[in-house]
Amino acid sequence: MSFISMNFHHTFNNTTNLKDLYLDYNKILKFPKAILSLKKLEVLSIINNKIEQLPSNIGVLKKLEILSLIDNMLTEIPESLSKCTKIRNLYLDYNKIQLYPSSLGKLKRLWLLGLRGNQLKEIPETIKNYCKLANLDLAQNNISQIPDFLYSLKKLKKLDISNNPIEQISLDHLKQVLPSLKILY
């Protein structure tokens, strides 16, 4: 057990007003459950650790606006994350995620979604529910097709689909439908 896991609850026991928490570049193996008691938390960043699983009740962090879990070892995202409806920026880059839960379609405020460097085989259809989405990073996955529902994302300004095995794409059509889009491929 890591030092931070053993002492986290004691250290943050009286920090009920904590809004931003950064635990980046440590050696955390398990998500510290004491974080779930930080009900006012708006920013949670646990970048470059070794976390394999999020708690199934992560949805109790209802005030979260920015969640950054870049470069961990996550294979799935709990459906309860859909209860964190204030999330604007969700960074799940460089994990081992194969499926993006459809329940996350409830994250209507999502402005940025980072799924770079995972194991996705298709662009999750639930993304069509993100009417405020401006930045979508799906680079370095196993995506082979660009679905038509991407055309409905009128606020999308940046789409990174580089380093995927995409064989055919109609960039002209995509640019026609979304004229302000900057496509990186």
N, C-alpha and C. Protein backbone atom coordinates (compact mmCIF):
# COMPACT_ATOMS: atom_id res chain seq x y z
N MET A 1 0.85 -1.18 0.00
CA MET A 1 0.00 0.00 0.00
C MET A 1 0.90 1.24 0.00
N SER A 2 0.54 2.21 -0.80
CA SER A 2 1.39 3.40 -0.89
C SER A 2 1.16 4.31 0.31
N PHE A 3 2.13 5.16 0.56
CA PHE A 3 2.07 6.11 1.66
C PHE A 3 0.82 6.98 1.55
N ILE A 4 0.54 7.43 0.32
CA ILE A 4 -0.60 8.33 0.14
C ILE A 4 -1.92 7.63 0.43
N SER A 5 -2.03 6.35 0.14
CA SER A 5 -3.26 5.60 0.43
C SER A 5 -3.48 5.48 1.93
N MET A 6 -2.41 5.21 2.67
CA MET A 6 -2.54 5.00 4.11
C MET A 6 -2.90 6.28 4.85
N ASN A 7 -2.36 7.40 4.41
CA ASN A 7 -2.50 8.64 5.16
C ASN A 7 -3.49 9.63 4.56
N PHE A 8 -4.06 9.31 3.45
CA PHE A 8 -4.91 10.27 2.77
C PHE A 8 -6.12 10.67 3.61
N HIS A 9 -6.80 9.71 4.18
CA HIS A 9 -8.02 10.02 4.94
C HIS A 9 -7.68 10.90 6.14
N HIS A 10 -6.64 10.55 6.85
CA HIS A 10 -6.23 11.34 8.01
C HIS A 10 -5.82 12.75 7.59
N THR A 11 -5.07 12.87 6.52
CA THR A 11 -4.55 14.17 6.07
C THR A 11 -5.66 15.13 5.65
N PHE A 12 -6.67 14.60 4.95
CA PHE A 12 -7.72 15.46 4.42
C PHE A 12 -9.02 15.38 5.20
N ASN A 13 -8.96 14.86 6.41
CA ASN A 13 -10.14 14.66 7.22
C ASN A 13 -10.90 15.96 7.48
N ASN A 14 -10.20 17.05 7.68
CA ASN A 14 -10.84 18.33 8.02
C ASN A 14 -10.85 19.33 6.86
N THR A 15 -10.69 18.86 5.66
CA THR A 15 -10.63 19.76 4.50
C THR A 15 -11.93 19.73 3.71
N THR A 16 -13.02 19.96 4.39
CA THR A 16 -14.33 19.87 3.73
C THR A 16 -14.55 20.95 2.69
N ASN A 17 -13.76 22.01 2.72
CA ASN A 17 -13.91 23.09 1.74
C ASN A 17 -12.97 22.97 0.55
N LEU A 18 -12.21 21.91 0.47
CA LEU A 18 -11.25 21.72 -0.61
C LEU A 18 -11.97 21.67 -1.96
N LYS A 19 -11.53 22.52 -2.90
CA LYS A 19 -12.15 22.58 -4.23
C LYS A 19 -11.27 22.00 -5.32
N ASP A 20 -9.95 22.11 -5.18
CA ASP A 20 -9.01 21.62 -6.19
C ASP A 20 -8.04 20.66 -5.54
N LEU A 21 -7.87 19.50 -6.16
CA LEU A 21 -6.94 18.50 -5.62
C LEU A 21 -6.11 17.93 -6.76
N TYR A 22 -4.79 18.04 -6.63
CA TYR A 22 -3.85 17.54 -7.63
C TYR A 22 -2.96 16.49 -6.99
N LEU A 23 -3.02 15.28 -7.52
CA LEU A 23 -2.20 14.17 -7.04
C LEU A 23 -1.38 13.60 -8.19
N ASP A 24 -0.93 14.46 -9.08
CA ASP A 24 -0.23 14.06 -10.29
C ASP A 24 1.17 13.53 -9.99
N TYR A 25 1.61 12.61 -10.86
CA TYR A 25 2.98 12.08 -10.85
C TYR A 25 3.39 11.50 -9.50
N ASN A 26 2.54 10.64 -8.99
CA ASN A 26 2.86 9.88 -7.80
C ASN A 26 2.89 8.40 -8.18
N LYS A 27 2.76 7.56 -7.23
CA LYS A 27 2.74 6.12 -7.50
C LYS A 27 1.49 5.50 -6.90
N ILE A 28 0.38 6.20 -7.04
CA ILE A 28 -0.87 5.76 -6.44
C ILE A 28 -1.40 4.56 -7.21
N LEU A 29 -1.67 3.48 -6.50
CA LEU A 29 -2.17 2.25 -7.11
C LEU A 29 -3.69 2.15 -7.07
N LYS A 30 -4.28 2.66 -6.00
CA LYS A 30 -5.73 2.61 -5.83
C LYS A 30 -6.27 4.01 -5.61
N PHE A 31 -7.43 4.26 -6.18
CA PHE A 31 -8.10 5.54 -6.00
C PHE A 31 -8.36 5.75 -4.51
N PRO A 32 -7.85 6.83 -3.93
CA PRO A 32 -8.06 7.07 -2.50
C PRO A 32 -9.55 7.35 -2.20
N LYS A 33 -10.19 6.44 -1.52
CA LYS A 33 -11.63 6.56 -1.26
C LYS A 33 -11.98 7.79 -0.44
N ALA A 34 -11.03 8.32 0.31
CA ALA A 34 -11.29 9.52 1.10
C ALA A 34 -11.65 10.71 0.21
N ILE A 35 -11.24 10.67 -1.03
CA ILE A 35 -11.59 11.75 -1.97
C ILE A 35 -13.10 11.87 -2.09
N LEU A 36 -13.80 10.76 -1.98
CA LEU A 36 -15.25 10.76 -2.13
C LEU A 36 -15.95 11.56 -1.04
N SER A 37 -15.27 11.88 0.03
CA SER A 37 -15.86 12.69 1.11
C SER A 37 -15.67 14.18 0.86
N LEU A 38 -14.95 14.54 -0.19
CA LEU A 38 -14.69 15.96 -0.50
C LEU A 38 -15.82 16.48 -1.40
N LYS A 39 -16.95 16.77 -0.81
CA LYS A 39 -18.18 17.09 -1.54
C LYS A 39 -18.12 18.40 -2.32
N LYS A 40 -17.19 19.29 -2.00
CA LYS A 40 -17.07 20.57 -2.71
C LYS A 40 -16.02 20.54 -3.82
N LEU A 41 -15.45 19.39 -4.06
CA LEU A 41 -14.37 19.24 -5.03
C LEU A 41 -14.85 19.57 -6.44
N GLU A 42 -14.16 20.52 -7.09
CA GLU A 42 -14.48 20.93 -8.45
C GLU A 42 -13.44 20.46 -9.47
N VAL A 43 -12.20 20.35 -9.02
CA VAL A 43 -11.10 19.92 -9.90
C VAL A 43 -10.38 18.75 -9.23
N LEU A 44 -10.31 17.64 -9.95
CA LEU A 44 -9.58 16.47 -9.46
C LEU A 44 -8.63 16.03 -10.56
N SER A 45 -7.34 16.05 -10.24
CA SER A 45 -6.33 15.64 -11.19
C SER A 45 -5.44 14.57 -10.57
N ILE A 46 -5.47 13.39 -11.19
CA ILE A 46 -4.63 12.28 -10.74
C ILE A 46 -3.91 11.75 -11.99
N ILE A 47 -3.03 12.57 -12.51
CA ILE A 47 -2.31 12.27 -13.75
C ILE A 47 -1.07 11.43 -13.44
N ASN A 48 -0.78 10.50 -14.34
CA ASN A 48 0.44 9.70 -14.30
C ASN A 48 0.62 8.98 -12.97
N ASN A 49 -0.31 8.10 -12.71
CA ASN A 49 -0.23 7.20 -11.56
C ASN A 49 -0.46 5.79 -12.08
N LYS A 50 -0.90 4.90 -11.26
CA LYS A 50 -1.08 3.50 -11.68
C LYS A 50 -2.46 2.98 -11.29
N ILE A 51 -3.43 3.85 -11.29
CA ILE A 51 -4.78 3.49 -10.88
C ILE A 51 -5.44 2.63 -11.96
N GLU A 52 -5.96 1.49 -11.57
CA GLU A 52 -6.61 0.57 -12.51
C GLU A 52 -8.13 0.69 -12.49
N GLN A 53 -8.68 1.21 -11.40
CA GLN A 53 -10.12 1.22 -11.26
C GLN A 53 -10.58 2.43 -10.47
N LEU A 54 -11.68 3.02 -10.91
CA LEU A 54 -12.32 4.10 -10.17
C LEU A 54 -13.40 3.49 -9.28
N PRO A 55 -13.71 4.14 -8.16
CA PRO A 55 -14.77 3.60 -7.32
C PRO A 55 -16.12 3.67 -8.03
N SER A 56 -16.94 2.67 -7.80
CA SER A 56 -18.24 2.62 -8.48
C SER A 56 -19.16 3.77 -8.06
N ASN A 57 -18.88 4.40 -6.94
CA ASN A 57 -19.70 5.52 -6.47
C ASN A 57 -19.03 6.88 -6.68
N ILE A 58 -18.19 6.99 -7.67
CA ILE A 58 -17.52 8.27 -7.95
C ILE A 58 -18.53 9.38 -8.24
N GLY A 59 -19.74 9.01 -8.58
CA GLY A 59 -20.80 9.97 -8.87
C GLY A 59 -21.19 10.85 -7.69
N VAL A 60 -20.70 10.54 -6.49
CA VAL A 60 -21.01 11.40 -5.33
C VAL A 60 -20.29 12.74 -5.42
N LEU A 61 -19.31 12.86 -6.30
CA LEU A 61 -18.57 14.12 -6.47
C LEU A 61 -19.33 15.01 -7.46
N LYS A 62 -20.49 15.45 -7.07
CA LYS A 62 -21.43 16.15 -7.95
C LYS A 62 -20.98 17.54 -8.37
N LYS A 63 -20.01 18.11 -7.69
CA LYS A 63 -19.53 19.46 -8.03
C LYS A 63 -18.35 19.45 -9.00
N LEU A 64 -17.86 18.26 -9.35
CA LEU A 64 -16.70 18.15 -10.24
C LEU A 64 -16.97 18.86 -11.56
N GLU A 65 -16.03 19.69 -11.97
CA GLU A 65 -16.08 20.36 -13.27
C GLU A 65 -14.95 19.89 -14.18
N ILE A 66 -13.83 19.54 -13.57
CA ILE A 66 -12.67 19.07 -14.33
C ILE A 66 -12.17 17.79 -13.67
N LEU A 67 -12.12 16.73 -14.47
CA LEU A 67 -11.61 15.45 -13.99
C LEU A 67 -10.51 15.01 -14.94
N SER A 68 -9.31 14.88 -14.42
CA SER A 68 -8.17 14.49 -15.24
C SER A 68 -7.54 13.22 -14.68
N LEU A 69 -7.66 12.16 -15.48
CA LEU A 69 -7.12 10.86 -15.09
C LEU A 69 -6.15 10.35 -16.16
N ILE A 70 -5.43 11.26 -16.75
CA ILE A 70 -4.50 10.94 -17.84
C ILE A 70 -3.40 10.01 -17.34
N ASP A 71 -3.04 9.07 -18.20
CA ASP A 71 -1.89 8.19 -17.98
C ASP A 71 -1.98 7.39 -16.67
N ASN A 72 -3.05 6.61 -16.59
CA ASN A 72 -3.20 5.63 -15.53
C ASN A 72 -3.37 4.27 -16.20
N MET A 73 -4.04 3.36 -15.58
CA MET A 73 -4.22 2.03 -16.15
C MET A 73 -5.70 1.63 -16.17
N LEU A 74 -6.56 2.63 -16.31
CA LEU A 74 -8.00 2.39 -16.28
C LEU A 74 -8.44 1.57 -17.50
N THR A 75 -9.30 0.61 -17.26
CA THR A 75 -9.85 -0.18 -18.36
C THR A 75 -11.32 0.15 -18.59
N GLU A 76 -11.97 0.73 -17.59
CA GLU A 76 -13.38 1.09 -17.73
C GLU A 76 -13.71 2.31 -16.88
N ILE A 77 -14.83 2.91 -17.22
CA ILE A 77 -15.32 4.09 -16.51
C ILE A 77 -16.64 3.72 -15.85
N PRO A 78 -16.78 3.94 -14.53
CA PRO A 78 -18.04 3.58 -13.88
C PRO A 78 -19.21 4.43 -14.40
N GLU A 79 -20.35 3.80 -14.53
CA GLU A 79 -21.53 4.50 -15.02
C GLU A 79 -21.96 5.62 -14.08
N SER A 80 -21.62 5.51 -12.80
CA SER A 80 -22.02 6.54 -11.84
C SER A 80 -21.37 7.89 -12.13
N LEU A 81 -20.32 7.90 -12.95
CA LEU A 81 -19.71 9.19 -13.32
C LEU A 81 -20.74 10.08 -14.02
N SER A 82 -21.77 9.48 -14.56
CA SER A 82 -22.83 10.25 -15.24
C SER A 82 -23.59 11.15 -14.26
N LYS A 83 -23.45 10.92 -12.97
CA LYS A 83 -24.10 11.78 -11.96
C LYS A 83 -23.32 13.07 -11.73
N CYS A 84 -22.12 13.14 -12.25
CA CYS A 84 -21.28 14.35 -12.13
C CYS A 84 -21.60 15.27 -13.31
N THR A 85 -22.80 15.78 -13.34
CA THR A 85 -23.31 16.49 -14.51
C THR A 85 -22.70 17.88 -14.72
N LYS A 86 -21.88 18.34 -13.81
CA LYS A 86 -21.22 19.64 -13.98
C LYS A 86 -19.88 19.54 -14.70
N ILE A 87 -19.44 18.33 -15.00
CA ILE A 87 -18.14 18.15 -15.66
C ILE A 87 -18.12 18.85 -17.02
N ARG A 88 -17.11 19.71 -17.19
CA ARG A 88 -16.89 20.41 -18.46
C ARG A 88 -15.72 19.81 -19.22
N ASN A 89 -14.69 19.42 -18.49
CA ASN A 89 -13.48 18.85 -19.09
C ASN A 89 -13.24 17.48 -18.49
N LEU A 90 -13.18 16.47 -19.38
CA LEU A 90 -12.95 15.09 -18.94
C LEU A 90 -11.76 14.54 -19.71
N TYR A 91 -10.67 14.33 -18.99
CA TYR A 91 -9.42 13.84 -19.58
C TYR A 91 -9.20 12.38 -19.18
N LEU A 92 -9.35 11.49 -20.13
CA LEU A 92 -9.15 10.06 -19.89
C LEU A 92 -8.05 9.50 -20.80
N ASP A 93 -7.20 10.37 -21.29
CA ASP A 93 -6.16 9.99 -22.23
C ASP A 93 -5.18 8.98 -21.63
N TYR A 94 -4.60 8.17 -22.50
CA TYR A 94 -3.53 7.23 -22.16
C TYR A 94 -3.91 6.30 -21.00
N ASN A 95 -5.01 5.62 -21.20
CA ASN A 95 -5.42 4.54 -20.31
C ASN A 95 -5.61 3.31 -21.17
N LYS A 96 -6.43 2.38 -20.76
CA LYS A 96 -6.67 1.16 -21.52
C LYS A 96 -8.17 0.96 -21.76
N ILE A 97 -8.86 2.06 -21.93
CA ILE A 97 -10.32 2.04 -22.05
C ILE A 97 -10.72 1.49 -23.42
N GLN A 98 -11.61 0.51 -23.41
CA GLN A 98 -12.12 -0.09 -24.65
C GLN A 98 -13.54 0.36 -24.94
N LEU A 99 -14.32 0.61 -23.89
CA LEU A 99 -15.70 1.03 -24.05
C LEU A 99 -15.97 2.30 -23.26
N TYR A 100 -16.71 3.20 -23.86
CA TYR A 100 -17.10 4.45 -23.21
C TYR A 100 -18.59 4.30 -22.87
N PRO A 101 -18.96 4.32 -21.59
CA PRO A 101 -20.35 4.04 -21.20
C PRO A 101 -21.36 5.00 -21.82
N SER A 102 -22.45 4.45 -22.31
CA SER A 102 -23.50 5.28 -22.91
C SER A 102 -24.15 6.18 -21.87
N SER A 103 -24.12 5.78 -20.61
CA SER A 103 -24.72 6.59 -19.55
C SER A 103 -24.04 7.96 -19.43
N LEU A 104 -22.80 8.06 -19.90
CA LEU A 104 -22.09 9.35 -19.80
C LEU A 104 -22.66 10.39 -20.76
N GLY A 105 -23.64 10.01 -21.55
CA GLY A 105 -24.34 10.97 -22.40
C GLY A 105 -25.05 12.04 -21.58
N LYS A 106 -25.19 11.82 -20.29
CA LYS A 106 -25.84 12.79 -19.39
C LYS A 106 -24.93 13.97 -19.06
N LEU A 107 -23.68 13.90 -19.45
CA LEU A 107 -22.73 14.98 -19.16
C LEU A 107 -22.91 16.10 -20.19
N LYS A 108 -24.03 16.77 -20.15
CA LYS A 108 -24.43 17.76 -21.16
C LYS A 108 -23.55 18.99 -21.20
N ARG A 109 -22.81 19.28 -20.14
CA ARG A 109 -21.95 20.47 -20.11
C ARG A 109 -20.56 20.22 -20.67
N LEU A 110 -20.31 19.00 -21.10
CA LEU A 110 -18.97 18.63 -21.55
C LEU A 110 -18.52 19.51 -22.71
N TRP A 111 -17.38 20.15 -22.53
CA TRP A 111 -16.80 21.05 -23.52
C TRP A 111 -15.56 20.40 -24.15
N LEU A 112 -14.84 19.60 -23.35
CA LEU A 112 -13.63 18.93 -23.81
C LEU A 112 -13.67 17.47 -23.37
N LEU A 113 -13.38 16.57 -24.31
CA LEU A 113 -13.30 15.15 -24.01
C LEU A 113 -12.01 14.60 -24.58
N GLY A 114 -11.14 14.11 -23.72
CA GLY A 114 -9.87 13.53 -24.13
C GLY A 114 -9.87 12.03 -23.93
N LEU A 115 -9.79 11.32 -25.04
CA LEU A 115 -9.73 9.86 -25.01
C LEU A 115 -8.54 9.35 -25.82
N ARG A 116 -7.54 10.17 -26.01
CA ARG A 116 -6.34 9.83 -26.77
C ARG A 116 -5.62 8.64 -26.13
N GLY A 117 -5.08 7.78 -26.98
CA GLY A 117 -4.22 6.71 -26.50
C GLY A 117 -4.92 5.64 -25.69
N ASN A 118 -6.14 5.31 -26.06
CA ASN A 118 -6.86 4.22 -25.40
C ASN A 118 -7.00 3.06 -26.39
N GLN A 119 -7.98 2.23 -26.20
CA GLN A 119 -8.18 1.06 -27.07
C GLN A 119 -9.58 1.06 -27.68
N LEU A 120 -10.11 2.24 -27.95
CA LEU A 120 -11.45 2.35 -28.53
C LEU A 120 -11.43 1.89 -29.98
N LYS A 121 -12.44 1.14 -30.37
CA LYS A 121 -12.55 0.67 -31.75
C LYS A 121 -13.54 1.49 -32.56
N GLU A 122 -14.34 2.27 -31.86
CA GLU A 122 -15.30 3.14 -32.54
C GLU A 122 -15.52 4.39 -31.72
N ILE A 123 -16.01 5.41 -32.39
CA ILE A 123 -16.33 6.65 -31.70
C ILE A 123 -17.64 6.43 -30.96
N PRO A 124 -17.63 6.63 -29.65
CA PRO A 124 -18.83 6.36 -28.86
C PRO A 124 -20.02 7.20 -29.32
N GLU A 125 -21.14 6.54 -29.57
CA GLU A 125 -22.33 7.24 -30.08
C GLU A 125 -22.89 8.23 -29.06
N THR A 126 -22.65 8.00 -27.80
CA THR A 126 -23.16 8.90 -26.76
C THR A 126 -22.60 10.32 -26.91
N ILE A 127 -21.50 10.45 -27.65
CA ILE A 127 -20.90 11.76 -27.87
C ILE A 127 -21.87 12.71 -28.57
N LYS A 128 -22.80 12.17 -29.32
CA LYS A 128 -23.77 13.03 -30.03
C LYS A 128 -24.63 13.83 -29.06
N ASN A 129 -24.67 13.45 -27.79
CA ASN A 129 -25.46 14.18 -26.78
C ASN A 129 -24.74 15.41 -26.24
N TYR A 130 -23.48 15.57 -26.59
CA TYR A 130 -22.68 16.67 -26.04
C TYR A 130 -22.80 17.91 -26.91
N CYS A 131 -23.87 18.66 -26.74
CA CYS A 131 -24.14 19.81 -27.61
C CYS A 131 -23.17 20.97 -27.39
N LYS A 132 -22.42 20.97 -26.30
CA LYS A 132 -21.44 22.03 -26.04
C LYS A 132 -20.01 21.60 -26.36
N LEU A 133 -19.84 20.38 -26.82
CA LEU A 133 -18.50 19.84 -27.06
C LEU A 133 -17.77 20.63 -28.15
N ALA A 134 -16.61 21.18 -27.80
CA ALA A 134 -15.80 21.95 -28.73
C ALA A 134 -14.49 21.25 -29.07
N ASN A 135 -13.99 20.41 -28.17
CA ASN A 135 -12.71 19.72 -28.35
C ASN A 135 -12.87 18.23 -28.09
N LEU A 136 -12.53 17.45 -29.11
CA LEU A 136 -12.65 16.00 -29.01
C LEU A 136 -11.34 15.38 -29.49
N ASP A 137 -10.67 14.68 -28.60
CA ASP A 137 -9.39 14.05 -28.93
C ASP A 137 -9.54 12.54 -28.87
N LEU A 138 -9.51 11.92 -30.03
CA LEU A 138 -9.63 10.46 -30.16
C LEU A 138 -8.40 9.86 -30.84
N ALA A 139 -7.30 10.59 -30.84
CA ALA A 139 -6.08 10.13 -31.49
C ALA A 139 -5.55 8.87 -30.81
N GLN A 140 -4.80 8.09 -31.58
CA GLN A 140 -4.09 6.91 -31.08
C GLN A 140 -5.01 5.87 -30.44
N ASN A 141 -6.07 5.55 -31.15
CA ASN A 141 -6.97 4.47 -30.75
C ASN A 141 -7.00 3.46 -31.88
N ASN A 142 -8.05 2.67 -31.97
CA ASN A 142 -8.21 1.69 -33.04
C ASN A 142 -9.47 1.98 -33.85
N ILE A 143 -9.79 3.24 -34.01
CA ILE A 143 -11.01 3.67 -34.69
C ILE A 143 -10.80 3.59 -36.20
N SER A 144 -11.74 2.95 -36.89
CA SER A 144 -11.59 2.77 -38.33
C SER A 144 -12.60 3.58 -39.16
N GLN A 145 -13.64 4.12 -38.51
CA GLN A 145 -14.65 4.87 -39.25
C GLN A 145 -15.07 6.12 -38.50
N ILE A 146 -15.45 7.13 -39.27
CA ILE A 146 -16.00 8.36 -38.71
C ILE A 146 -17.52 8.29 -38.89
N PRO A 147 -18.27 8.20 -37.79
CA PRO A 147 -19.73 8.06 -37.90
C PRO A 147 -20.41 9.38 -38.27
N ASP A 148 -21.58 9.27 -38.88
CA ASP A 148 -22.34 10.45 -39.31
C ASP A 148 -22.78 11.33 -38.15
N PHE A 149 -22.98 10.76 -36.96
CA PHE A 149 -23.47 11.60 -35.86
C PHE A 149 -22.48 12.69 -35.46
N LEU A 150 -21.22 12.59 -35.86
CA LEU A 150 -20.27 13.67 -35.57
C LEU A 150 -20.70 14.98 -36.23
N TYR A 151 -21.41 14.86 -37.33
CA TYR A 151 -21.86 16.06 -38.05
C TYR A 151 -22.87 16.87 -37.26
N SER A 152 -23.47 16.27 -36.26
CA SER A 152 -24.47 16.99 -35.47
C SER A 152 -23.84 17.84 -34.36
N LEU A 153 -22.55 17.72 -34.15
CA LEU A 153 -21.86 18.48 -33.10
C LEU A 153 -21.48 19.87 -33.62
N LYS A 154 -22.41 20.75 -33.64
CA LYS A 154 -22.25 22.08 -34.26
C LYS A 154 -21.21 22.96 -33.57
N LYS A 155 -20.92 22.73 -32.30
CA LYS A 155 -19.94 23.56 -31.57
C LYS A 155 -18.52 23.00 -31.65
N LEU A 156 -18.38 21.82 -32.26
CA LEU A 156 -17.08 21.18 -32.34
C LEU A 156 -16.11 22.03 -33.15
N LYS A 157 -14.98 22.38 -32.53
CA LYS A 157 -13.97 23.22 -33.18
C LYS A 157 -12.69 22.44 -33.45
N LYS A 158 -12.39 21.44 -32.61
CA LYS A 158 -11.16 20.68 -32.78
C LYS A 158 -11.46 19.20 -32.64
N LEU A 159 -11.09 18.45 -33.65
CA LEU A 159 -11.25 16.99 -33.67
C LEU A 159 -9.90 16.39 -34.02
N ASP A 160 -9.33 15.64 -33.12
CA ASP A 160 -8.06 14.97 -33.39
C ASP A 160 -8.33 13.48 -33.51
N ILE A 161 -8.18 12.96 -34.71
CA ILE A 161 -8.39 11.53 -34.99
C ILE A 161 -7.12 10.93 -35.60
N SER A 162 -6.00 11.56 -35.31
CA SER A 162 -4.74 11.08 -35.87
C SER A 162 -4.35 9.72 -35.28
N ASN A 163 -3.53 9.00 -36.03
CA ASN A 163 -3.01 7.71 -35.61
C ASN A 163 -4.09 6.70 -35.26
N ASN A 164 -5.07 6.60 -36.14
CA ASN A 164 -6.10 5.58 -36.08
C ASN A 164 -6.09 4.86 -37.43
N PRO A 165 -6.58 3.64 -37.51
CA PRO A 165 -6.59 2.94 -38.80
C PRO A 165 -7.80 3.31 -39.68
N ILE A 166 -8.02 4.60 -39.84
CA ILE A 166 -9.13 5.09 -40.66
C ILE A 166 -8.73 4.98 -42.13
N GLU A 167 -9.53 4.28 -42.90
CA GLU A 167 -9.22 4.06 -44.31
C GLU A 167 -9.85 5.09 -45.23
N GLN A 168 -11.02 5.55 -44.85
CA GLN A 168 -11.72 6.49 -45.73
C GLN A 168 -12.43 7.53 -44.87
N ILE A 169 -12.31 8.77 -45.30
CA ILE A 169 -12.98 9.85 -44.60
C ILE A 169 -13.32 10.95 -45.61
N SER A 170 -14.50 11.47 -45.45
CA SER A 170 -14.92 12.56 -46.32
C SER A 170 -14.70 13.88 -45.59
N LEU A 171 -13.47 14.37 -45.66
CA LEU A 171 -13.14 15.63 -45.00
C LEU A 171 -13.91 16.79 -45.59
N ASP A 172 -14.13 16.74 -46.89
CA ASP A 172 -14.88 17.83 -47.52
C ASP A 172 -16.27 17.95 -46.92
N HIS A 173 -16.93 16.81 -46.74
CA HIS A 173 -18.27 16.82 -46.16
C HIS A 173 -18.23 17.30 -44.71
N LEU A 174 -17.25 16.83 -43.95
CA LEU A 174 -17.12 17.24 -42.56
C LEU A 174 -16.89 18.74 -42.44
N LYS A 175 -16.04 19.29 -43.29
CA LYS A 175 -15.76 20.73 -43.27
C LYS A 175 -16.97 21.54 -43.73
N GLN A 176 -17.75 20.98 -44.62
CA GLN A 176 -18.95 21.64 -45.12
C GLN A 176 -19.99 21.76 -44.00
N VAL A 177 -20.19 20.69 -43.29
CA VAL A 177 -21.19 20.65 -42.24
C VAL A 177 -20.73 21.41 -40.99
N LEU A 178 -19.45 21.34 -40.69
CA LEU A 178 -18.88 22.01 -39.52
C LEU A 178 -17.75 22.93 -39.96
N PRO A 179 -18.10 24.11 -40.49
CA PRO A 179 -17.08 24.99 -41.09
C PRO A 179 -16.01 25.50 -40.13
N SER A 180 -16.29 25.60 -38.85
CA SER A 180 -15.29 26.12 -37.90
C SER A 180 -14.39 25.03 -37.33
N LEU A 181 -14.57 23.80 -37.79
CA LEU A 181 -13.83 22.67 -37.27
C LEU A 181 -12.38 22.65 -37.77
N LYS A 182 -11.47 22.41 -36.85
CA LYS A 182 -10.07 22.18 -37.19
C LYS A 182 -9.81 20.69 -37.01
N ILE A 183 -9.49 20.01 -38.09
CA ILE A 183 -9.31 18.57 -38.05
C ILE A 183 -7.83 18.24 -38.07
N LEU A 184 -7.42 17.41 -37.14
CA LEU A 184 -6.04 16.93 -37.11
C LEU A 184 -6.08 15.45 -37.42
N TYR A 185 -5.34 15.04 -38.45
CA TYR A 185 -5.33 13.63 -38.83
C TYR A 185 -3.97 13.23 -39.33
